C-alpha atoms as a PDB file:
ATOM      1  CA  MET A   1     -67.266  15.434 -50.915  1.00  0.00           C
ATOM      2  CA  GLY A   2     -63.715  15.748 -52.923  1.00  0.00           C
ATOM      3  CA  TRP A   3     -63.576  16.249 -56.823  1.00  0.00           C
ATOM      4  CA  THR A   4     -62.908  12.426 -57.053  1.00  0.00           C
ATOM      5  CA  GLU A   5     -66.304  11.510 -55.474  1.00  0.00           C
ATOM      6  CA  VAL A   6     -68.573  13.455 -57.644  1.00  0.00           C
ATOM      7  CA  PRO A   7     -70.687  11.235 -59.960  1.00  0.00           C
ATOM      8  CA  VAL A   8     -71.359  12.193 -63.237  1.00  0.00           C
ATOM      9  CA  ASP A   9     -73.933   9.650 -64.381  1.00  0.00           C
ATOM     10  CA  THR A  10     -77.093   9.107 -62.723  1.00  0.00           C
ATOM     11  CA  GLU A  11     -80.637   7.918 -63.579  1.00  0.00           C
ATOM     12  CA  PRO A  12     -80.278   7.493 -67.364  1.00  0.00           C
ATOM     13  CA  ALA A  13     -82.545   9.877 -69.299  1.00  0.00           C
ATOM     14  CA  ALA A  14     -85.429   8.091 -71.077  1.00  0.00           C
ATOM     15  CA  GLY A  15     -84.247   8.345 -74.592  1.00  0.00           C
ATOM     16  CA  ALA A  16     -82.844  10.376 -77.547  1.00  0.00           C
ATOM     17  CA  VAL A  17     -84.344  12.529 -80.220  1.00  0.00           C
ATOM     18  CA  LEU A  18     -82.763  12.575 -84.114  1.00  0.00           C
ATOM     19  CA  LEU A  19     -84.616  15.814 -85.742  1.00  0.00           C
ATOM     20  CA  MET A  20     -84.056  15.226 -89.570  1.00  0.00           C
ATOM     21  CA  GLY A  21     -84.650  17.032 -92.364  1.00  0.00           C
ATOM     22  CA  ILE A  22     -82.947  19.178 -95.131  1.00  0.00           C
ATOM     23  CA  PRO A  23     -81.278  22.329 -94.596  1.00  0.00           C
ATOM     24  CA  GLY A  24     -84.200  24.783 -93.606  1.00  0.00           C
ATOM     25  CA  SER A  25     -86.488  22.524 -92.373  1.00  0.00           C
ATOM     26  CA  GLY A  26     -86.379  23.969 -88.915  1.00  0.00           C
ATOM     27  CA  LYS A  27     -83.895  21.209 -87.204  1.00  0.00           C
ATOM     28  CA  SER A  28     -81.906  23.512 -85.227  1.00  0.00           C
ATOM     29  CA  THR A  29     -84.534  25.851 -84.135  1.00  0.00           C
ATOM     30  CA  VAL A  30     -87.049  23.394 -83.206  1.00  0.00           C
ATOM     31  CA  ALA A  31     -84.000  21.101 -81.485  1.00  0.00           C
ATOM     32  CA  ALA A  32     -83.361  24.050 -79.304  1.00  0.00           C
ATOM     33  CA  ALA A  33     -86.902  24.609 -78.312  1.00  0.00           C
ATOM     34  CA  LEU A  34     -87.767  20.798 -77.631  1.00  0.00           C
ATOM     35  CA  ALA A  35     -84.486  20.856 -75.526  1.00  0.00           C
ATOM     36  CA  ALA A  36     -85.788  23.645 -73.624  1.00  0.00           C
ATOM     37  CA  ARG A  37     -89.024  22.008 -72.676  1.00  0.00           C
ATOM     38  CA  PHE A  38     -87.289  19.288 -70.539  1.00  0.00           C
ATOM     39  CA  ALA A  39     -85.578  20.214 -67.016  1.00  0.00           C
ATOM     40  CA  ALA A  40     -82.445  18.096 -68.228  1.00  0.00           C
ATOM     41  CA  SER A  41     -81.525  18.151 -71.781  1.00  0.00           C
ATOM     42  CA  ALA A  42     -78.878  18.718 -74.664  1.00  0.00           C
ATOM     43  CA  HIS A  43     -78.868  20.233 -78.054  1.00  0.00           C
ATOM     44  CA  ILE A  44     -76.559  18.352 -79.950  1.00  0.00           C
ATOM     45  CA  GLU A  45     -76.134  20.408 -83.259  1.00  0.00           C
ATOM     46  CA  VAL A  46     -74.319  18.231 -86.100  1.00  0.00           C
ATOM     47  CA  ASP A  47     -73.359  21.347 -87.924  1.00  0.00           C
ATOM     48  CA  ALA A  48     -71.625  22.560 -84.614  1.00  0.00           C
ATOM     49  CA  LEU A  49     -69.495  19.274 -84.308  1.00  0.00           C
ATOM     50  CA  GLN A  50     -68.379  19.645 -88.047  1.00  0.00           C
ATOM     51  CA  GLU A  51     -67.021  23.393 -87.006  1.00  0.00           C
ATOM     52  CA  LEU A  52     -64.714  21.687 -84.494  1.00  0.00           C
ATOM     53  CA  ILE A  53     -62.642  20.831 -87.270  1.00  0.00           C
ATOM     54  CA  VAL A  54     -59.750  23.109 -87.707  1.00  0.00           C
ATOM     55  CA  SER A  55     -57.800  21.404 -90.305  1.00  0.00           C
ATOM     56  CA  GLY A  56     -59.304  19.163 -93.282  1.00  0.00           C
ATOM     57  CA  GLY A  57     -62.856  19.692 -92.557  1.00  0.00           C
ATOM     58  CA  ARG A  58     -65.030  19.198 -95.950  1.00  0.00           C
ATOM     59  CA  TRP A  59     -68.652  19.975 -95.788  1.00  0.00           C
ATOM     60  CA  PRO A  60     -70.925  18.219 -97.417  1.00  0.00           C
ATOM     61  CA  SER A  61     -71.122  19.040-101.430  1.00  0.00           C
ATOM     62  CA  PRO A  62     -73.651  18.369-104.003  1.00  0.00           C
ATOM     63  CA  GLU A  63     -70.705  16.760-106.348  1.00  0.00           C
ATOM     64  CA  ARG A  64     -69.040  13.274-104.891  1.00  0.00           C
ATOM     65  CA  ASP A  65     -66.693  13.961-102.567  1.00  0.00           C
ATOM     66  CA  GLU A  66     -65.555  10.828-100.662  1.00  0.00           C
ATOM     67  CA  GLU A  67     -63.942  12.639 -97.707  1.00  0.00           C
ATOM     68  CA  ALA A  68     -66.793  14.645 -97.160  1.00  0.00           C
ATOM     69  CA  ASP A  69     -68.941  11.862 -97.074  1.00  0.00           C
ATOM     70  CA  ARG A  70     -66.400   9.877 -94.678  1.00  0.00           C
ATOM     71  CA  GLN A  71     -67.236  13.182 -92.413  1.00  0.00           C
ATOM     72  CA  ILE A  72     -70.624  12.974 -92.540  1.00  0.00           C
ATOM     73  CA  PHE A  73     -70.627   9.682 -90.692  1.00  0.00           C
ATOM     74  CA  LEU A  74     -67.822  11.296 -88.551  1.00  0.00           C
ATOM     75  CA  ARG A  75     -70.151  13.885 -87.344  1.00  0.00           C
ATOM     76  CA  ALA A  76     -72.802  11.170 -86.862  1.00  0.00           C
ATOM     77  CA  ARG A  77     -70.528   8.987 -84.719  1.00  0.00           C
ATOM     78  CA  ASN A  78     -69.567  12.366 -82.644  1.00  0.00           C
ATOM     79  CA  ALA A  79     -73.235  12.922 -81.887  1.00  0.00           C
ATOM     80  CA  CYS A  80     -73.714   9.594 -81.030  1.00  0.00           C
ATOM     81  CA  LEU A  81     -71.047   9.602 -78.465  1.00  0.00           C
ATOM     82  CA  LEU A  82     -72.104  12.902 -76.884  1.00  0.00           C
ATOM     83  CA  ALA A  83     -75.870  12.000 -76.941  1.00  0.00           C
ATOM     84  CA  ASP A  84     -74.733   8.591 -75.004  1.00  0.00           C
ATOM     85  CA  SER A  85     -72.801  10.616 -72.511  1.00  0.00           C
ATOM     86  CA  PHE A  86     -75.733  13.044 -71.911  1.00  0.00           C
ATOM     87  CA  VAL A  87     -78.338   9.838 -71.592  1.00  0.00           C
ATOM     88  CA  ALA A  88     -76.053   8.509 -68.967  1.00  0.00           C
ATOM     89  CA  ALA A  89     -75.960  11.502 -66.816  1.00  0.00           C
ATOM     90  CA  GLY A  90     -79.669  11.781 -67.305  1.00  0.00           C
ATOM     91  CA  PHE A  91     -79.788  14.199 -69.817  1.00  0.00           C
ATOM     92  CA  LEU A  92     -82.548  13.815 -72.969  1.00  0.00           C
ATOM     93  CA  PRO A  93     -80.248  14.716 -76.135  1.00  0.00           C
ATOM     94  CA  VAL A  94     -81.870  16.171 -78.962  1.00  0.00           C
ATOM     95  CA  ILE A  95     -79.656  15.819 -82.271  1.00  0.00           C
ATOM     96  CA  ASP A  96     -80.153  17.814 -85.055  1.00  0.00           C
ATOM     97  CA  ASP A  97     -78.781  16.834 -88.570  1.00  0.00           C
ATOM     98  CA  VAL A  98     -79.433  16.558 -92.247  1.00  0.00           C
ATOM     99  CA  VAL A  99     -80.443  13.207 -92.525  1.00  0.00           C
ATOM    100  CA  VAL A 100     -81.920  12.223 -96.021  1.00  0.00           C
ATOM    101  CA  ARG A 101     -80.020   8.954 -96.740  1.00  0.00           C
ATOM    102  CA  ARG A 102     -81.160   5.234 -95.610  1.00  0.00           C
ATOM    103  CA  ALA A 103     -77.448   4.427 -94.859  1.00  0.00           C
ATOM    104  CA  HIS A 104     -77.126   7.640 -92.794  1.00  0.00           C
ATOM    105  CA  LEU A 105     -80.054   7.000 -90.646  1.00  0.00           C
ATOM    106  CA  ASP A 106     -79.047   3.404 -90.249  1.00  0.00           C
ATOM    107  CA  PHE A 107     -75.681   4.584 -88.942  1.00  0.00           C
ATOM    108  CA  TYR A 108     -77.419   6.662 -86.089  1.00  0.00           C
ATOM    109  CA  ARG A 109     -79.580   3.828 -85.167  1.00  0.00           C
ATOM    110  CA  ALA A 110     -76.565   0.910 -85.420  1.00  0.00           C
ATOM    111  CA  THR A 111     -74.445   3.459 -83.098  1.00  0.00           C
ATOM    112  CA  LEU A 112     -76.913   4.913 -80.419  1.00  0.00           C
ATOM    113  CA  THR A 113     -78.479   1.876 -79.095  1.00  0.00           C
ATOM    114  CA  GLY A 114     -78.537   2.008 -75.396  1.00  0.00           C
ATOM    115  CA  VAL A 115     -81.815   3.933 -75.291  1.00  0.00           C
ATOM    116  CA  PRO A 116     -84.640   4.682 -77.501  1.00  0.00           C
ATOM    117  CA  LEU A 117     -83.887   6.536 -80.470  1.00  0.00           C
ATOM    118  CA  HIS A 118     -86.844   8.758 -81.649  1.00  0.00           C
ATOM    119  CA  CYS A 119     -86.151   9.829 -85.211  1.00  0.00           C
ATOM    120  CA  VAL A 120     -88.258  12.620 -86.531  1.00  0.00           C
ATOM    121  CA  VAL A 121     -88.659  13.976 -90.049  1.00  0.00           C
ATOM    122  CA  LEU A 122     -89.175  17.674 -90.377  1.00  0.00           C
ATOM    123  CA  ALA A 123     -90.723  18.179 -93.866  1.00  0.00           C
ATOM    124  CA  PRO A 124     -92.162  21.657 -94.530  1.00  0.00           C
ATOM    125  CA  GLY A 125     -91.115  20.976 -98.408  1.00  0.00           C
ATOM    126  CA  ALA A 126     -88.548  22.488-100.560  1.00  0.00           C
ATOM    127  CA  ALA A 127     -89.996  25.817-101.201  1.00  0.00           C
ATOM    128  CA  LYS A 128     -90.613  26.446 -97.881  1.00  0.00           C
ATOM    129  CA  ALA A 129     -87.327  25.395 -96.834  1.00  0.00           C
ATOM    130  CA  MET A 130     -85.538  27.514 -99.372  1.00  0.00           C
ATOM    131  CA  GLU A 131     -87.769  30.654 -98.071  1.00  0.00           C
ATOM    132  CA  ARG A 132     -86.425  29.635 -94.751  1.00  0.00           C
ATOM    133  CA  ASN A 133     -82.889  29.501 -96.019  1.00  0.00           C
ATOM    134  CA  LEU A 134     -83.172  32.846 -97.450  1.00  0.00           C
ATOM    135  CA  ALA A 135     -84.443  34.809 -94.666  1.00  0.00           C
ATOM    136  CA  ARG A 136     -82.133  33.208 -91.745  1.00  0.00           C
ATOM    137  CA  ASP A 137     -78.379  34.456 -90.501  1.00  0.00           C
ATOM    138  CA  LYS A 138     -77.071  31.397 -91.678  1.00  0.00           C
ATOM    139  CA  THR A 139     -75.960  31.883 -95.398  1.00  0.00           C
ATOM    140  CA  LEU A 140     -76.055  28.693 -97.795  1.00  0.00           C
ATOM    141  CA  THR A 141     -74.183  28.487-100.870  1.00  0.00           C
ATOM    142  CA  THR A 142     -75.897  25.987-102.073  1.00  0.00           C
ATOM    143  CA  ASP A 143     -79.194  25.096-102.998  1.00  0.00           C
ATOM    144  CA  TRP A 144     -79.819  21.795-101.197  1.00  0.00           C
ATOM    145  CA  SER A 145     -83.498  21.711-102.337  1.00  0.00           C
ATOM    146  CA  PHE A 146     -83.064  18.555-104.236  1.00  0.00           C
ATOM    147  CA  LEU A 147     -82.393  16.584-101.113  1.00  0.00           C
ATOM    148  CA  GLU A 148     -86.076  16.686-100.495  1.00  0.00           C
ATOM    149  CA  THR A 149     -86.766  13.998-103.357  1.00  0.00           C
ATOM    150  CA  ALA A 150     -83.838  11.584-102.099  1.00  0.00           C
ATOM    151  CA  MET A 151     -85.533  12.077 -98.377  1.00  0.00           C
ATOM    152  CA  ARG A 152     -88.774  11.074 -99.505  1.00  0.00           C
ATOM    153  CA  ALA A 153     -87.573   8.458-101.530  1.00  0.00           C
ATOM    154  CA  GLU A 154     -85.194   6.831 -98.637  1.00  0.00           C
ATOM    155  CA  LEU A 155     -87.096   7.618 -95.951  1.00  0.00           C
ATOM    156  CA  ALA A 156     -90.629   7.021 -96.895  1.00  0.00           C
ATOM    157  CA  ASP A 157     -91.230   4.431 -94.253  1.00  0.00           C
ATOM    158  CA  GLU A 158     -90.309   6.349 -91.412  1.00  0.00           C
ATOM    159  CA  LYS A 159     -93.114   6.610 -88.702  1.00  0.00           C
ATOM    160  CA  ILE A 160     -92.539  10.263 -87.932  1.00  0.00           C
ATOM    161  CA  TRP A 161     -93.111  12.934 -90.749  1.00  0.00           C
ATOM    162  CA  ILE A 162     -94.203  16.380 -89.521  1.00  0.00           C
ATOM    163  CA  ASP A 163     -95.242  18.850 -92.512  1.00  0.00           C
ATOM    164  CA  SER A 164     -94.151  21.977 -90.724  1.00  0.00           C
ATOM    165  CA  ALA A 165     -94.756  24.716 -93.180  1.00  0.00           C
ATOM    166  CA  GLU A 166     -97.400  26.168 -91.622  1.00  0.00           C
ATOM    167  CA  LEU A 167     -96.799  25.271 -87.979  1.00  0.00           C
ATOM    168  CA  THR A 168     -94.995  28.092 -85.371  1.00  0.00           C
ATOM    169  CA  VAL A 169     -91.829  26.506 -83.515  1.00  0.00           C
ATOM    170  CA  ASP A 170     -93.875  25.586 -80.661  1.00  0.00           C
ATOM    171  CA  GLU A 171     -96.464  24.045 -82.328  1.00  0.00           C
ATOM    172  CA  THR A 172     -93.756  21.814 -84.214  1.00  0.00           C
ATOM    173  CA  VAL A 173     -92.285  21.112 -80.809  1.00  0.00           C
ATOM    174  CA  ASP A 174     -95.786  19.944 -79.712  1.00  0.00           C
ATOM    175  CA  ALA A 175     -96.257  17.549 -82.839  1.00  0.00           C
ATOM    176  CA  VAL A 176     -92.760  16.353 -81.818  1.00  0.00           C
ATOM    177  CA  LEU A 177     -93.935  15.298 -78.205  1.00  0.00           C
ATOM    178  CA  SER A 178     -96.951  13.889 -79.406  1.00  0.00           C
ATOM    179  CA  ALA A 179     -95.664  12.084 -81.905  1.00  0.00           C
ATOM    180  CA  THR A 180     -92.838  10.422 -79.584  1.00  0.00           C
ATOM    181  CA  GLY A 181     -94.639  10.074 -76.605  1.00  0.00           C
ATOM    182  CA  LEU A 182     -92.079  12.112 -74.862  1.00  0.00           C
ATOM    183  CA  ARG A 183     -93.418  14.091 -71.819  1.00  0.00           C
ATOM    184  CA  PRO A 184     -91.499  17.056 -70.472  1.00  0.00           C
ATOM    185  CA  PRO A 185     -92.170  17.558 -66.737  1.00  0.00           C
ATOM    186  CA  ARG A 186     -95.125  19.793 -65.895  1.00  0.00           C
ATOM    187  CA  THR A 187     -94.357  23.354 -64.657  1.00  0.00           C
END
């Protein structure tokens, strides 16, 4: 079989997962651990997509910044494009992003429509998130704990909320699997 005959797509994955929460809620750590439970999966860290911008990138800011807000949706669109591609190739995509506003979550739902999107809010609380932020290598220069209030107000009707404040990473992954109904293959 030549290179031109190698099929990329296969039996599509059963869905996609979006892990949401404020900075320090454990999204990236849990997403990587969740993806590792599956035989074919991909971890899409939305912050890493922002880092692909070489010039003109604007990170979110507490102050009103229309360009940074536009790039939040650009990152989400690119995450969805990657997720669609991975799904088509049979890989379960696990996206992690700071999603605290209804419009942002609605954008994910409107853009990633080919498979079930399992949305999970990790909510250890602002104090625990701050504690985790201070203990990790990734240094944040802004206190984002105020996002907890916006998230709880705007996403209160979301079905899957996991208080991971006292859970280990593995226990949090187990809670995500239980709440979504996703089943990794038995080993």
